[in-house]
Amino acid sequence: MLDLRIPCGLFFLLIGALLCGLGVFSPGSAALTTANVNLYAGAAMLAFGGILLLLARRSRT
């Protein structure tokens, strides 16, 4: 049976990479705040996706 952490982890990695790229290469399109929300939210999503994939890999062995 397929572990749900694998597709969820891949989804969060993909969306996180897109948000990080948007935050780095297009900082002018960010919201009217002092922080680059796209970059920080993308980094958090990348970390969460990586943790999900790590947990899925550890449970298989």
C-alpha atoms as a PDB file:
ATOM      1  CA  MET A   1       0.000   0.000   0.000  1.00  0.00           C
ATOM      2  CA  LEU A   2       1.228   3.483  -0.813  1.00  0.00           C
ATOM      3  CA  ASP A   3       2.372   5.607   2.102  1.00  0.00           C
ATOM      4  CA  LEU A   4       0.559   8.960   1.967  1.00  0.00           C
ATOM      5  CA  ARG A   5       3.647  10.791   3.205  1.00  0.00           C
ATOM      6  CA  ILE A   6       5.367  10.302  -0.160  1.00  0.00           C
ATOM      7  CA  PRO A   7       2.905  12.175  -2.419  1.00  0.00           C
ATOM      8  CA  CYS A   8       2.236  14.784   0.283  1.00  0.00           C
ATOM      9  CA  GLY A   9       5.967  15.334   0.744  1.00  0.00           C
ATOM     10  CA  LEU A  10       6.484  15.687  -2.994  1.00  0.00           C
ATOM     11  CA  PHE A  11       3.590  18.139  -3.210  1.00  0.00           C
ATOM     12  CA  PHE A  12       4.973  20.305  -0.411  1.00  0.00           C
ATOM     13  CA  LEU A  13       8.450  20.199  -1.970  1.00  0.00           C
ATOM     14  CA  LEU A  14       7.068  21.322  -5.328  1.00  0.00           C
ATOM     15  CA  ILE A  15       4.924  24.144  -3.947  1.00  0.00           C
ATOM     16  CA  GLY A  16       7.704  25.200  -1.578  1.00  0.00           C
ATOM     17  CA  ALA A  17      10.212  25.357  -4.428  1.00  0.00           C
ATOM     18  CA  LEU A  18       7.810  27.467  -6.485  1.00  0.00           C
ATOM     19  CA  LEU A  19       7.227  29.873  -3.601  1.00  0.00           C
ATOM     20  CA  CYS A  20      10.948  30.138  -2.822  1.00  0.00           C
ATOM     21  CA  GLY A  21      11.687  30.840  -6.468  1.00  0.00           C
ATOM     22  CA  LEU A  22       8.997  33.491  -6.567  1.00  0.00           C
ATOM     23  CA  GLY A  23      10.324  35.052  -3.365  1.00  0.00           C
ATOM     24  CA  VAL A  24      13.926  35.137  -4.606  1.00  0.00           C
ATOM     25  CA  PHE A  25      13.439  36.150  -8.240  1.00  0.00           C
ATOM     26  CA  SER A  26      10.401  38.400  -7.907  1.00  0.00           C
ATOM     27  CA  PRO A  27      10.509  40.136  -4.522  1.00  0.00           C
ATOM     28  CA  GLY A  28       8.501  43.109  -5.837  1.00  0.00           C
ATOM     29  CA  SER A  29       5.387  40.980  -6.232  1.00  0.00           C
ATOM     30  CA  ALA A  30       5.257  40.239  -2.516  1.00  0.00           C
ATOM     31  CA  ALA A  31       2.541  41.575  -0.259  1.00  0.00           C
ATOM     32  CA  LEU A  32       2.856  45.000   1.310  1.00  0.00           C
ATOM     33  CA  THR A  33       4.834  43.805   4.304  1.00  0.00           C
ATOM     34  CA  THR A  34       8.415  44.242   5.390  1.00  0.00           C
ATOM     35  CA  ALA A  35       9.071  40.472   5.216  1.00  0.00           C
ATOM     36  CA  ASN A  36       9.245  38.403   2.044  1.00  0.00           C
ATOM     37  CA  VAL A  37       6.358  36.080   2.907  1.00  0.00           C
ATOM     38  CA  ASN A  38       6.728  33.958  -0.237  1.00  0.00           C
ATOM     39  CA  LEU A  39      10.321  33.131   0.616  1.00  0.00           C
ATOM     40  CA  TYR A  40       9.631  32.253   4.249  1.00  0.00           C
ATOM     41  CA  ALA A  41       6.491  30.241   3.536  1.00  0.00           C
ATOM     42  CA  GLY A  42       8.282  28.411   0.720  1.00  0.00           C
ATOM     43  CA  ALA A  43      11.202  27.559   2.991  1.00  0.00           C
ATOM     44  CA  ALA A  44       8.819  26.222   5.629  1.00  0.00           C
ATOM     45  CA  MET A  45       7.006  24.116   3.021  1.00  0.00           C
ATOM     46  CA  LEU A  46      10.313  22.777   1.709  1.00  0.00           C
ATOM     47  CA  ALA A  47      11.324  21.777   5.221  1.00  0.00           C
ATOM     48  CA  PHE A  48       7.948  20.141   5.921  1.00  0.00           C
ATOM     49  CA  GLY A  49       8.031  18.215   2.640  1.00  0.00           C
ATOM     50  CA  GLY A  50      11.552  17.043   3.356  1.00  0.00           C
ATOM     51  CA  ILE A  51      10.540  15.858   6.823  1.00  0.00           C
ATOM     52  CA  LEU A  52       7.586  13.929   5.375  1.00  0.00           C
ATOM     53  CA  LEU A  53       9.812  12.216   2.823  1.00  0.00           C
ATOM     54  CA  LEU A  54      12.410  11.444   5.462  1.00  0.00           C
ATOM     55  CA  LEU A  55       9.786   9.872   7.719  1.00  0.00           C
ATOM     56  CA  ALA A  56       8.381   7.850   4.814  1.00  0.00           C
ATOM     57  CA  ARG A  57      11.836   6.585   3.950  1.00  0.00           C
ATOM     58  CA  ARG A  58      12.616   5.646   7.551  1.00  0.00           C
ATOM     59  CA  SER A  59       9.362   3.708   7.955  1.00  0.00           C
ATOM     60  CA  ARG A  60      10.104   1.569   4.875  1.00  0.00           C
ATOM     61  CA  THR A  61      13.358   0.187   6.254  1.00  0.00           C
END
